[in-house]
Structures are given as C-alpha cells and as structure tokens.
C-alpha cells in the first residue's frame, strides 16, 4: 500500500479521505468548527449560500408537487414526547403479540428520542412545571396541530414541509455535515385519506429525491430498510445512500410510510364523504446538510471543492486582468457580469488587488465552476479566457458569452455525474461467495475493505445477523432495482431476485 502524498498547498490528498474531508471543509471556508459546543459548527457565508441553494432545489420540488411551507415551534412539551413513546411501546407490544411482526420494528428500548434530546427545565430562575425539549424531529408537534386542522375529506391531502434546525444529543464522533448535534433539517409531512394516497406520496417522494440528487450530480442506492432498521413507528422506510470515496455509505434522504399508526395516537381523523369517521394515513420525507457533505466528499479533489453548477454560490468568477493599465477593462467586465446575470447565471467580480494566480488558487479551492479572465488583449481580440474547475481552458468570443457559459455549466454537470458514476462502479462489487458449513463460514476470496458489496439475500433476521457479523457491515435493505435473473441467496441458498447491498455506514 502506498503512503498518502504530502499535502498540496495545505490540502491533504483526497486519497487520505478521512483527513482530507474535515480539512477541506474549513480550508474552503464552509464552516468554522471552533464553536465551544461539539457538533455545532458556525456556518460561514459561502457554506450557508451553498446550503441555501440545496434548500432551493428542495423548495422547488415541494412547490411542483403541491406542498406548502410551514414553520413549527422549536420547543416541545414533555407530555407530547411521552405520547410518542407510548406509540412506540404500543407497536413493540403488537410485534411481541405476533401482529404483523414482519412489518413492524421496535427497539428494545422504548424511550424513543428521550435519550437523544436536549432538555429545557427552567425559564429564567423558575423551574418549568412541564419540562420542554428541543425538537429532534417534528412528528409530535406537527401532528398535534394536524389533528386541529383536518376535519373532513375536503381538507385532504395535507402536504406540508419545513426547513428548520433540529437537535440530537449525538454521543458518537461528530463530523461536519455528516454527524452533528444541530441539524439543518428538511422535513415534509403529509396526511392522506387512505393507504393508496400515502402510497402515491411515497412514489412522489422517490421521484423528488432522484431529481434533487441528479441536480447535485450524485448517484445513489435506494433501499427499503430491513425491519430492524425501519424508523420506529413507520410501516416501512426507504432511504437513498450515496457511496463516499472511502467506500462508506452516507444516508442522504429518507421517506417513511406511517399508515394510520400515528393518526390513531394523535386523533388525526376525518369525516369521509359517506359520513363515516376514518383515520388518516401519513408519510414523512427527510433530508439534511448531509447532502452538502455528500457533494463535498464526492466531487472534491486534491485542489479543493468542485461544486455542481446547480448549487455553486458563484457559477462564474470574473477576473479583470491588467485593469490598472487599461481603463476599458473594468467597464467591459461589468458589462459581461450584467449580461451573464440577466441570463440567470450567478456571477462575482473578483477585483481584488492581488496577483491572478492568487485569485485562481482561492476559487479553485472553493470549487467555483468557471473562472473567466478578461484583459486588454482579450478585449482587442473580442475574446475571453475561461478555465473550468473540472479541467480545461477555452478562449470563446465575448459575443454570445451567456450561451457559451450556460453550455459549459451543463457540460460540467454531466462530467461530474460521469465521474461520480465511475466512483460508484469502482467501489461497488459483488460479494465473494461463502464456503464452509453453517457456523464455520468464510469467504472464498479476499474480502476487501472500503467496498460496498452487492448481494443476493432472501434470509430472515438471524440470516442477516450471520452475514453482518461475517462482514462487519450493515445490510441496507431491498434495493429498488431487483436482479433481472434469479441469483442464489448468499446465506440460505434459495433462488431470489432480491438485490441488496451491504456496507459500512456513516
């Protein structure tokens, strides 16, 4: 194994991903991690602008699909948490009693989020009669209000979302954007008249996730989580996982079908057209700044970030050259900025009094898609110099520059998708076959680290446990894309078309 190269311009090599990732987060000025609470970073303007653009992709999808934006309170009274915990306990009891045990997953600990929340017990100098906590997610406060808003079938479907901060008392090692205690959280919650309506919503959620990931140039594995890894209180959960360059998977989006389980607990019902009172069916959809973590990790290189054009705060950096020697340079650059801005392209003029090399270095680190130089000689030729963050230069005419830049941005996005798909193909391989007898199984070939393994699996919980112990990895669940032809289950030997992946997860 070759040792990692020395840091280039202060940036560790990406081949040493576990060192490169936290370093580039700060070098690119996305956040400052020095705030005196672990896992609560300070968002810097460049990082926040990028995250806001990611939020914009989500908002656009919500608008397209008829969701409306709300903002619910941060504080939740303890008695509402107990209500949620009673639901979890009820579902656990149902499983223990044999009521659809294959479809319900309950933790051994039925405390729900109680061990993960930050508590507020005092108001000024006074002890609160009812302790409160900072929301870890929003089912409880939102559904309390939904039950007041929904009265008849005319009120359905109710499709809501909010983009807020949530808080989890994370005890594991924190990592910017990937595992934090204050989470920049996107959550959609919907209410439907019946299971079919909720089913259609899950299909819509799946489409929205893929549209957002396409804009972010991120391929993903979409899986129906196994029973033991289903969100508590959900009938089933689906998740999109991105394969990071170190071979670990990062869950970037989840959507859950609740059936009428939460509605029963929160008295969320409606009067149907026939006059009968019926329980509602619900779904949720969640994403977070993990999407930004995936963008950083997937697309960056040894020279810094590479931001997809869809979420780059500045898609084009305009660099005046020799402006001190020719008074026509700045007006020409400003005219270019106006033309590009009018075409909907985000631009910034970097007119700092520093050498051009410094400007190139700074914006290369920050991952700006295009750097455009314009000096006296370029003006005389009617051309400019364009450098692409994915590599390559060109000298197009100034005339028609908006169309040229727009095409270049589209080509860059396609190149990032191509690179990301290559990374996926390099890091996802078929699981080597197992040999030996039950209780003494081993892999027929060398088992590689830093790989996500594709596997045919059609076993039960105990079979999954055998596989996870053998590999030290976690089953992601049934992939949305089954095998076309039957394969042999790696544990049971049964013929199956169920495609699953097993990976080390963040």
Protein backbone atom coordinates (compact mmCIF):
# COMPACT_ATOMS: atom_id res chain seq x y z
CA UNK A 1 0.00 0.00 0.00
CA UNK A 2 1.42 3.36 -0.99
CA UNK A 3 1.55 6.09 1.63
CA UNK A 4 -0.55 9.23 1.07
CA UNK A 5 1.21 12.08 -0.71
CA UNK A 6 2.17 15.19 1.18
CA UNK A 7 -0.38 17.95 1.48
CA UNK A 8 -0.61 20.13 -1.62
CA UNK A 9 -0.97 23.85 -0.89
CA UNK A 10 -2.15 22.93 2.62
CA UNK A 11 -4.75 20.45 1.36
CA UNK A 12 -4.23 16.79 2.30
CA UNK A 13 -4.54 14.37 -0.63
CA UNK A 14 -8.05 13.04 -1.16
CA UNK A 15 -6.66 9.51 -1.16
CA UNK A 16 -6.46 10.03 2.61
CA UNK A 17 -10.18 10.81 2.71
CA UNK A 18 -10.63 10.76 6.49
CA UNK A 19 -8.06 13.55 6.78
CA UNK A 20 -8.97 15.37 3.55
CA UNK A 21 -12.68 15.76 4.30
CA UNK A 22 -12.54 17.68 7.63
CA UNK A 23 -9.62 19.75 6.34
CA UNK A 24 -11.30 20.86 3.13
CA UNK A 25 -14.49 21.84 4.99
CA UNK A 26 -12.54 24.58 6.76
CA UNK A 27 -9.99 25.41 4.05
CA UNK A 28 -12.87 26.13 1.65
CA UNK A 29 -14.45 28.36 4.32
CA UNK A 30 -17.76 26.48 4.57
CA UNK A 31 -17.95 26.37 8.36
CA UNK A 32 -15.89 27.19 11.44
CA UNK A 33 -15.70 24.22 13.80
CA UNK A 34 -14.22 26.15 16.73
CA UNK A 35 -17.55 26.93 18.40
CA UNK A 36 -17.31 25.64 22.01
CA UNK A 37 -20.06 23.00 21.66
CA UNK A 38 -19.05 19.82 19.92
CA UNK A 39 -21.08 19.09 16.80
CA UNK A 40 -22.44 22.63 16.46
CA UNK A 41 -20.48 24.41 13.75
CA UNK A 42 -20.77 28.05 12.70
CA UNK A 43 -21.96 28.32 9.11
CA UNK A 44 -19.78 30.71 7.09
CA UNK A 45 -21.35 32.73 4.24
CA UNK A 46 -20.01 30.50 1.45
CA UNK A 47 -21.19 27.29 3.12
CA UNK A 48 -24.55 28.78 4.04
CA UNK A 49 -25.09 30.08 0.50
CA UNK A 50 -24.40 26.61 -0.88
CA UNK A 51 -26.80 25.03 1.61
CA UNK A 52 -29.47 27.61 0.79
CA UNK A 53 -29.20 26.66 -2.88
CA UNK A 54 -29.65 22.99 -1.94
CA UNK A 55 -32.72 24.05 0.04
CA UNK A 56 -33.87 25.86 -3.08
CA UNK A 57 -33.82 22.61 -5.04
CA UNK A 58 -35.99 21.02 -2.36
CA UNK A 59 -38.35 24.00 -2.23
CA UNK A 60 -38.74 23.86 -5.99
CA UNK A 61 -39.74 20.19 -5.77
CA UNK A 62 -42.17 20.93 -2.96
CA UNK A 63 -43.80 23.71 -4.97
CA UNK A 64 -44.02 21.50 -8.04
CA UNK A 65 -45.80 18.78 -6.06
CA UNK A 66 -48.23 21.00 -4.14
CA UNK A 67 -46.58 21.09 -0.70
CA UNK A 68 -46.80 24.24 1.43
CA UNK A 69 -44.12 25.58 3.74
CA UNK A 70 -44.72 25.94 7.48
CA UNK A 71 -42.55 26.72 10.48
CA UNK A 72 -43.36 24.96 13.75
CA UNK A 73 -42.04 25.91 17.21
CA UNK A 74 -38.66 24.68 18.40
CA UNK A 75 -39.79 23.73 21.91
CA UNK A 76 -41.97 20.68 22.58
CA UNK A 77 -43.55 19.91 25.99
CA UNK A 78 -42.51 16.66 27.64
CA UNK A 79 -46.04 15.24 27.71
CA UNK A 80 -46.10 15.17 23.92
CA UNK A 81 -42.88 13.16 23.89
CA UNK A 82 -44.50 10.69 26.26
CA UNK A 83 -47.36 10.41 23.79
CA UNK A 84 -44.89 9.46 21.07
CA UNK A 85 -43.16 6.98 23.37
CA UNK A 86 -46.46 5.31 24.17
CA UNK A 87 -46.96 4.82 20.45
CA UNK A 88 -43.56 3.17 20.19
CA UNK A 89 -44.39 0.93 23.15
CA UNK A 90 -47.72 0.00 21.59
CA UNK A 91 -46.07 -1.04 18.35
CA UNK A 92 -43.50 -3.07 20.25
CA UNK A 93 -46.25 -4.89 22.08
CA UNK A 94 -48.00 -5.57 18.77
CA UNK A 95 -44.91 -7.21 17.43
CA UNK A 96 -44.40 -9.28 20.56
CA UNK A 97 -48.03 -10.38 20.30
CA UNK A 98 -47.44 -11.56 16.73
CA UNK A 99 -49.41 -8.85 14.95
CA UNK A 100 -47.63 -8.37 11.61
CA UNK A 101 -44.20 -8.87 13.20
CA UNK A 102 -42.55 -8.92 9.76
CA UNK A 103 -43.73 -5.38 9.13
CA UNK A 104 -43.06 -3.75 12.49
CA UNK A 105 -39.73 -2.97 14.03
CA UNK A 106 -39.39 -1.84 17.66
CA UNK A 107 -36.29 -1.07 19.65
CA UNK A 108 -35.56 -2.98 22.81
CA UNK A 109 -35.52 0.44 24.44
CA UNK A 110 -38.93 2.09 24.00
CA UNK A 111 -37.83 5.51 25.16
CA UNK A 112 -37.99 6.88 21.60
CA UNK A 113 -36.00 10.11 21.35
CA UNK A 114 -35.90 10.65 25.13
CA UNK A 115 -32.19 9.84 25.44
CA UNK A 116 -31.29 11.97 22.40
CA UNK A 117 -32.97 15.27 23.21
CA UNK A 118 -31.75 18.47 24.83
CA UNK A 119 -33.97 19.35 27.79
CA UNK A 120 -35.16 22.79 28.91
CA UNK A 121 -36.20 22.67 32.56
CA UNK A 122 -36.01 26.31 33.67
CA UNK A 123 -37.48 29.59 32.47
CA UNK A 124 -35.29 32.31 33.91
CA UNK A 125 -34.99 31.41 37.59
CA UNK A 126 -38.19 29.36 37.67
CA UNK A 127 -38.50 25.61 37.32
CA UNK A 128 -40.90 24.79 34.50
CA UNK A 129 -44.00 22.87 35.54
CA UNK A 130 -43.74 20.85 32.34
CA UNK A 131 -40.16 20.33 31.06
CA UNK A 132 -39.61 21.01 27.39
CA UNK A 133 -37.13 19.72 24.84
CA UNK A 134 -35.62 20.94 21.58
CA UNK A 135 -37.21 19.13 18.65
CA UNK A 136 -35.19 16.13 17.41
CA UNK A 137 -37.71 15.88 14.55
CA UNK A 138 -41.24 17.18 14.23
CA UNK A 139 -43.82 14.40 14.11
CA UNK A 140 -45.04 15.17 17.62
CA UNK A 141 -45.54 18.97 17.37
CA UNK A 142 -46.82 18.84 13.80
CA UNK A 143 -49.34 16.04 14.30
CA UNK A 144 -50.71 17.75 17.39
CA UNK A 145 -51.67 20.64 15.11
CA UNK A 146 -52.73 18.48 12.15
CA UNK A 147 -55.45 16.97 14.32
CA UNK A 148 -56.89 20.50 14.75
CA UNK A 149 -56.73 21.33 11.06
CA UNK A 150 -58.12 18.17 9.47
CA UNK A 151 -61.85 17.72 9.86
CA UNK A 152 -63.23 16.35 6.61
CA UNK A 153 -62.14 14.67 3.39
CA UNK A 154 -62.13 18.16 1.82
CA UNK A 155 -59.08 19.01 3.97
CA UNK A 156 -57.05 16.19 2.40
CA UNK A 157 -54.43 15.67 1.26
CA UNK A 158 -52.48 17.96 3.60
CA UNK A 159 -48.94 18.33 2.24
CA UNK A 160 -46.52 20.32 4.40
CA UNK A 161 -42.79 20.90 4.75
CA UNK A 162 -40.40 22.99 6.77
CA UNK A 163 -36.66 23.73 6.76
CA UNK A 164 -35.52 24.18 10.36
CA UNK A 165 -32.80 23.27 12.83
CA UNK A 166 -33.31 20.12 14.86
CA UNK A 167 -31.23 18.92 17.79
CA UNK A 168 -29.94 15.48 18.76
CA UNK A 169 -27.65 14.73 21.66
CA UNK A 170 -25.18 12.85 19.46
CA UNK A 171 -22.70 10.83 21.53
CA UNK A 172 -20.66 9.43 18.63
CA UNK A 173 -17.76 11.24 16.96
CA UNK A 174 -19.13 14.29 15.18
CA UNK A 175 -18.19 15.22 11.61
CA UNK A 176 -19.25 18.39 9.81
CA UNK A 177 -22.44 17.91 7.77
CA UNK A 178 -22.37 14.14 8.33
CA UNK A 179 -22.92 13.69 12.07
CA UNK A 180 -23.79 16.81 14.03
CA UNK A 181 -25.79 17.83 17.09
CA UNK A 182 -27.54 20.78 15.48
CA UNK A 183 -29.01 19.57 12.20
CA UNK A 184 -30.06 21.71 9.27
CA UNK A 185 -33.13 19.65 8.52
CA UNK A 186 -35.62 19.47 5.68
CA UNK A 187 -38.79 17.56 6.52
CA UNK A 188 -42.03 17.04 4.65
CA UNK A 189 -45.10 15.58 6.38
CA UNK A 190 -48.25 14.61 4.53
CA UNK A 191 -51.73 13.43 5.52
CA UNK A 192 -53.95 11.33 3.25
CA UNK A 193 -57.41 9.82 3.27
CA UNK A 194 -56.21 6.25 2.82
CA UNK A 195 -53.27 3.94 2.27
CA UNK A 196 -53.41 4.35 -1.51
CA UNK A 197 -52.96 8.10 -1.19
CA UNK A 198 -49.94 7.57 1.07
CA UNK A 199 -48.54 5.01 -1.38
CA UNK A 200 -48.72 7.55 -4.19
CA UNK A 201 -46.97 10.07 -1.96
CA UNK A 202 -44.09 7.63 -1.37
CA UNK A 203 -43.74 7.26 -5.14
CA UNK A 204 -43.70 11.04 -5.49
CA UNK A 205 -41.07 11.30 -2.74
CA UNK A 206 -38.88 8.79 -4.58
CA UNK A 207 -39.09 10.87 -7.76
CA UNK A 208 -38.28 14.11 -5.90
CA UNK A 209 -35.22 12.56 -4.27
CA UNK A 210 -33.84 11.44 -7.61
CA UNK A 211 -34.45 14.83 -9.22
CA UNK A 212 -32.58 16.56 -6.39
CA UNK A 213 -29.71 14.07 -6.49
CA UNK A 214 -29.49 14.48 -10.28
CA UNK A 215 -29.03 18.24 -9.82
CA UNK A 216 -26.33 17.51 -7.24
CA UNK A 217 -24.68 15.01 -9.63
CA UNK A 218 -24.92 12.22 -7.06
CA UNK A 219 -25.76 8.60 -7.90
CA UNK A 220 -27.40 6.67 -5.07
CA UNK A 221 -28.58 3.31 -3.81
CA UNK A 222 -32.27 3.36 -2.88
CA UNK A 223 -33.33 0.63 -0.47
CA UNK A 224 -36.33 -0.37 1.58
CA UNK A 225 -34.74 -0.62 5.00
CA UNK A 226 -34.91 -4.02 6.72
CA UNK A 227 -37.42 -4.45 9.51
CA UNK A 228 -34.83 -3.97 12.24
CA UNK A 229 -33.63 -0.70 10.69
CA UNK A 230 -37.04 0.83 9.97
CA UNK A 231 -37.83 4.18 11.57
CA UNK A 232 -39.79 3.50 14.79
CA UNK A 233 -43.46 3.99 14.16
CA UNK A 234 -43.20 3.50 10.40
CA UNK A 235 -44.84 0.74 8.41
CA UNK A 236 -41.78 0.83 6.16
CA UNK A 237 -38.88 3.17 5.46
CA UNK A 238 -36.93 3.85 2.28
CA UNK A 239 -33.58 5.60 2.06
CA UNK A 240 -31.16 6.93 -0.54
CA UNK A 241 -27.49 6.27 0.21
CA UNK A 242 -24.53 7.88 -1.54
CA UNK A 243 -21.28 5.89 -1.73
CA UNK A 244 -18.50 8.15 -0.46
CA UNK A 245 -14.92 7.88 -1.83
CA UNK A 246 -13.76 5.85 1.18
CA UNK A 247 -16.38 3.18 0.47
CA UNK A 248 -18.73 4.13 3.29
CA UNK A 249 -22.35 4.90 2.54
CA UNK A 250 -23.98 8.15 3.61
CA UNK A 251 -27.75 8.19 4.04
CA UNK A 252 -28.86 11.48 2.46
CA UNK A 253 -32.65 11.11 2.22
CA UNK A 254 -35.37 9.01 3.84
CA UNK A 255 -39.09 8.68 3.33
CA UNK A 256 -41.46 6.75 5.56
CA UNK A 257 -44.95 5.30 5.21
CA UNK A 258 -46.76 5.51 8.56
CA UNK A 259 -50.12 4.02 7.54
CA UNK A 260 -52.59 5.17 10.24
CA UNK A 261 -50.37 4.36 13.24
CA UNK A 262 -49.55 7.94 14.23
CA UNK A 263 -53.06 9.13 13.35
CA UNK A 264 -54.55 6.75 15.88
CA UNK A 265 -52.31 8.09 18.64
CA UNK A 266 -52.79 11.78 17.76
CA UNK A 267 -56.52 11.53 16.99
CA UNK A 268 -55.94 12.55 13.40
CA UNK A 269 -59.19 11.58 11.67
CA UNK A 270 -61.65 12.98 9.15
CA UNK A 271 -65.27 12.69 8.13
CA UNK A 272 -65.49 10.82 4.83
CA UNK A 273 -67.99 11.62 2.07
CA UNK A 274 -70.27 8.86 3.38
CA UNK A 275 -70.31 10.43 6.86
CA UNK A 276 -68.05 7.86 8.49
CA UNK A 277 -65.11 8.93 10.67
CA UNK A 278 -61.84 7.46 9.39
CA UNK A 279 -58.21 7.61 10.47
CA UNK A 280 -55.78 9.40 8.19
CA UNK A 281 -52.69 7.85 6.64
CA UNK A 282 -49.37 9.67 6.76
CA UNK A 283 -45.90 9.88 5.26
CA UNK A 284 -42.72 11.78 6.05
CA UNK A 285 -39.71 12.75 3.97
CA UNK A 286 -36.42 13.98 5.43
CA UNK A 287 -33.06 15.36 4.24
CA UNK A 288 -30.33 17.40 5.89
CA UNK A 289 -26.94 19.05 5.33
CA UNK A 290 -25.68 15.52 4.71
CA UNK A 291 -26.48 16.39 1.10
CA UNK A 292 -23.77 19.07 1.27
CA UNK A 293 -21.42 16.58 2.91
CA UNK A 294 -22.03 14.19 0.01
CA UNK A 295 -21.35 16.96 -2.53
CA UNK A 296 -18.09 17.89 -0.80
CA UNK A 297 -16.94 14.30 -0.43
CA UNK A 298 -17.94 13.05 -3.86
CA UNK A 299 -16.85 15.88 -6.14
CA UNK A 300 -13.85 17.48 -4.42
CA UNK A 301 -10.26 16.69 -5.39
CA UNK A 302 -6.69 17.34 -4.27
CA UNK A 303 -7.09 21.02 -5.15
CA UNK A 304 -10.26 21.67 -3.17
CA UNK A 305 -14.01 21.64 -3.72
CA UNK A 306 -15.79 21.15 -7.01
CA UNK A 307 -19.33 22.44 -6.65
CA UNK A 308 -22.05 21.32 -9.06
CA UNK A 309 -23.27 24.37 -11.02
CA UNK A 310 -26.76 23.98 -9.52
CA UNK A 311 -25.54 24.86 -6.01
CA UNK A 312 -22.39 26.93 -6.57
CA UNK A 313 -22.92 30.33 -4.90
CA UNK A 314 -20.99 31.86 -7.80
CA UNK A 315 -21.09 29.92 -11.05
CA UNK A 316 -18.69 32.30 -12.79
CA UNK A 317 -15.85 34.28 -11.24
CA UNK A 318 -14.95 37.27 -13.42
CA UNK A 319 -11.28 38.26 -13.15
CA UNK A 320 -10.16 41.60 -14.60
CA UNK A 321 -6.58 41.38 -15.92
CA UNK A 322 -4.24 44.42 -16.08
CA UNK A 323 -7.11 46.74 -15.19
CA UNK A 324 -4.54 49.22 -13.85
CA UNK A 325 -3.06 49.54 -17.35
CA UNK A 326 -6.29 49.96 -19.30
CA UNK A 327 -9.38 51.82 -18.14
CA UNK A 328 -11.60 49.84 -20.50
CA UNK A 329 -11.15 46.54 -18.62
CA UNK A 330 -13.45 47.16 -15.64
CA UNK A 331 -16.37 48.50 -17.71
CA UNK A 332 -16.02 45.50 -20.06
CA UNK A 333 -16.01 43.08 -17.10
CA UNK A 334 -19.05 44.79 -15.60
CA UNK A 335 -20.86 44.54 -18.93
CA UNK A 336 -20.09 40.81 -19.00
CA UNK A 337 -21.40 40.47 -15.45
CA UNK A 338 -24.64 42.21 -16.40
CA UNK A 339 -25.11 40.01 -19.45
CA UNK A 340 -24.50 36.80 -17.51
CA UNK A 341 -26.68 37.87 -14.58
CA UNK A 342 -29.52 38.73 -16.98
CA UNK A 343 -29.28 35.16 -18.27
CA UNK A 344 -29.78 33.82 -14.71
CA UNK A 345 -26.13 32.96 -14.11
CA UNK A 346 -24.66 33.71 -10.67
CA UNK A 347 -21.50 35.80 -11.05
CA UNK A 348 -18.93 37.54 -8.89
CA UNK A 349 -16.31 40.07 -9.99
CA UNK A 350 -13.03 39.42 -8.18
CA UNK A 351 -11.35 42.81 -8.48
CA UNK A 352 -9.02 42.36 -5.52
CA UNK A 353 -5.57 43.93 -5.90
CA UNK A 354 -3.72 40.61 -5.85
CA UNK A 355 -1.94 38.50 -8.45
CA UNK A 356 -4.14 36.48 -10.85
CA UNK A 357 -2.59 33.28 -9.52
CA UNK A 358 -3.90 34.02 -6.04
CA UNK A 359 -7.41 34.51 -7.38
CA UNK A 360 -7.27 31.26 -9.34
CA UNK A 361 -5.99 29.43 -6.27
CA UNK A 362 -8.71 30.82 -3.99
CA UNK A 363 -11.60 30.00 -6.33
CA UNK A 364 -10.18 26.62 -7.24
CA UNK A 365 -10.22 25.68 -3.55
CA UNK A 366 -13.80 26.94 -3.24
CA UNK A 367 -14.90 24.94 -6.25
CA UNK A 368 -16.31 27.74 -8.43
CA UNK A 369 -17.29 26.05 -11.71
CA UNK A 370 -15.91 28.71 -14.11
CA UNK A 371 -13.19 31.36 -13.86
CA UNK A 372 -13.33 33.94 -16.66
CA UNK A 373 -10.41 36.30 -17.34
CA UNK A 374 -10.66 39.48 -19.39
CA UNK A 375 -7.77 41.83 -20.12
CA UNK A 376 -6.80 44.46 -22.71
CA UNK A 377 -5.51 41.89 -25.22
CA UNK A 378 -8.68 39.80 -24.86
CA UNK A 379 -10.87 42.85 -25.41
CA UNK A 380 -8.89 43.70 -28.56
CA UNK A 381 -9.48 40.18 -29.91
CA UNK A 382 -13.12 40.13 -28.83
CA UNK A 383 -12.47 37.03 -26.73
CA UNK A 384 -12.05 35.95 -23.09
CA UNK A 385 -10.27 33.11 -21.30
CA UNK A 386 -12.40 30.51 -19.47
CA UNK A 387 -10.98 27.95 -17.01
CA UNK A 388 -13.24 25.06 -15.99
CA UNK A 389 -12.98 23.63 -12.46
CA UNK A 390 -13.27 20.14 -13.92
CA UNK A 391 -10.23 20.87 -16.09
CA UNK A 392 -9.52 22.56 -19.39
CA UNK A 393 -9.45 26.07 -20.84
CA UNK A 394 -11.04 27.77 -23.80
CA UNK A 395 -10.99 31.19 -25.44
CA UNK A 396 -14.54 31.82 -26.69
CA UNK A 397 -15.81 35.02 -28.29
CA UNK A 398 -17.24 37.61 -25.93
CA UNK A 399 -20.22 37.86 -28.26
CA UNK A 400 -22.79 35.28 -27.15
CA UNK A 401 -20.93 34.62 -23.88
CA UNK A 402 -24.11 33.83 -21.90
CA UNK A 403 -24.92 30.91 -24.19
CA UNK A 404 -21.31 29.70 -24.10
CA UNK A 405 -21.20 29.78 -20.31
CA UNK A 406 -24.58 28.09 -19.96
CA UNK A 407 -23.45 25.24 -22.21
CA UNK A 408 -20.18 24.95 -20.27
CA UNK A 409 -22.05 24.70 -16.96
CA UNK A 410 -24.27 21.93 -18.37
CA UNK A 411 -21.20 20.07 -19.64
CA UNK A 412 -19.54 20.38 -16.24
CA UNK A 413 -22.58 18.89 -14.52
CA UNK A 414 -22.52 15.98 -16.98
CA UNK A 415 -18.81 15.47 -16.30
CA UNK A 416 -19.41 15.41 -12.53
CA UNK A 417 -22.17 12.81 -13.00
CA UNK A 418 -19.82 10.72 -15.13
CA UNK A 419 -17.07 10.90 -12.50
CA UNK A 420 -19.46 10.10 -9.68
CA UNK A 421 -20.83 7.09 -11.55
CA UNK A 422 -17.29 5.85 -12.16
CA UNK A 423 -16.59 6.20 -8.44
CA UNK A 424 -19.76 4.21 -7.73
CA UNK A 425 -18.76 1.47 -10.16
CA UNK A 426 -15.25 1.27 -8.69
CA UNK A 427 -16.50 0.97 -5.13
CA UNK A 428 -19.47 -1.39 -5.60
CA UNK A 429 -18.67 -5.05 -6.27
CA UNK A 430 -20.40 -8.43 -5.98
CA UNK A 431 -19.93 -10.10 -2.61
CA UNK A 432 -17.45 -13.00 -2.81
CA UNK A 433 -19.09 -16.42 -2.36
CA UNK A 434 -19.16 -18.09 1.04
CA UNK A 435 -17.73 -21.56 1.64
CA UNK A 436 -17.89 -23.91 4.61
CA UNK A 437 -20.66 -25.19 6.80
CA UNK A 438 -23.15 -23.32 8.97
CA UNK A 439 -21.34 -21.85 11.94
CA UNK A 440 -18.00 -22.02 10.13
CA UNK A 441 -18.49 -19.92 7.02
CA UNK A 442 -15.78 -17.87 5.33
CA UNK A 443 -15.30 -16.02 2.08
CA UNK A 444 -13.86 -17.91 -0.87
CA UNK A 445 -11.94 -14.79 -1.97
CA UNK A 446 -10.18 -12.00 -0.13
CA UNK A 447 -12.65 -9.60 1.46
CA UNK A 448 -11.73 -6.00 0.61
CA UNK A 449 -12.13 -3.00 2.85
CA UNK A 450 -13.61 0.22 1.53
CA UNK A 451 -16.03 -1.59 -0.78
CA UNK A 452 -19.83 -1.70 -0.89
CA UNK A 453 -20.91 -5.23 -1.72
CA UNK A 454 -23.86 -6.22 -3.86
CA UNK A 455 -25.51 -9.39 -2.61
CA UNK A 456 -28.44 -11.66 -3.33
CA UNK A 457 -30.15 -12.06 0.03
CA UNK A 458 -33.50 -13.59 0.88
CA UNK A 459 -32.99 -14.59 4.51
CA UNK A 460 -34.58 -13.73 7.84
CA UNK A 461 -33.28 -11.64 10.76
CA UNK A 462 -30.94 -14.37 12.00
CA UNK A 463 -29.54 -14.93 8.49
CA UNK A 464 -28.90 -11.20 8.22
CA UNK A 465 -27.12 -11.25 11.57
CA UNK A 466 -24.84 -14.03 10.32
CA UNK A 467 -23.96 -12.00 7.23
CA UNK A 468 -23.41 -8.77 9.15
CA UNK A 469 -21.12 -10.49 11.69
CA UNK A 470 -19.11 -12.15 8.92
CA UNK A 471 -18.54 -8.87 7.13
CA UNK A 472 -18.64 -6.34 9.95
CA UNK A 473 -21.01 -4.38 7.71
CA UNK A 474 -24.70 -3.47 7.62
CA UNK A 475 -27.42 -4.59 5.21
CA UNK A 476 -29.05 -1.58 3.57
CA UNK A 477 -32.23 -3.48 2.67
CA UNK A 478 -34.03 -4.40 -0.54
CA UNK A 479 -32.79 -2.28 -3.44
CA UNK A 480 -35.42 -0.64 -5.62
CA UNK A 481 -33.86 -2.42 -8.60
CA UNK A 482 -34.08 -6.19 -8.26
CA UNK A 483 -31.92 -8.63 -10.19
CA UNK A 484 -33.31 -9.35 -13.66
CA UNK A 485 -32.35 -13.02 -13.38
CA UNK A 486 -32.59 -15.17 -10.22
CA UNK A 487 -29.48 -15.39 -8.03
CA UNK A 488 -28.63 -17.70 -5.16
CA UNK A 489 -29.07 -16.18 -1.67
CA UNK A 490 -25.63 -15.98 -0.09
CA UNK A 491 -26.84 -17.46 3.21
CA UNK A 492 -29.90 -19.64 2.55
CA UNK A 493 -29.03 -20.93 -0.91
CA UNK A 494 -32.55 -20.13 -2.11
CA UNK A 495 -33.15 -18.68 -5.57
CA UNK A 496 -34.08 -15.00 -5.38
CA UNK A 497 -34.17 -11.78 -7.39
CA UNK A 498 -33.82 -9.62 -4.26
CA UNK A 499 -30.81 -7.36 -4.69
CA UNK A 500 -29.33 -5.89 -1.51
CA UNK A 501 -26.17 -4.04 -0.59
CA UNK A 502 -24.03 -4.40 2.49
CA UNK A 503 -21.77 -1.56 3.55
CA UNK A 504 -20.09 0.35 6.32
CA UNK A 505 -22.36 3.30 7.03
CA UNK A 506 -21.73 6.76 8.44
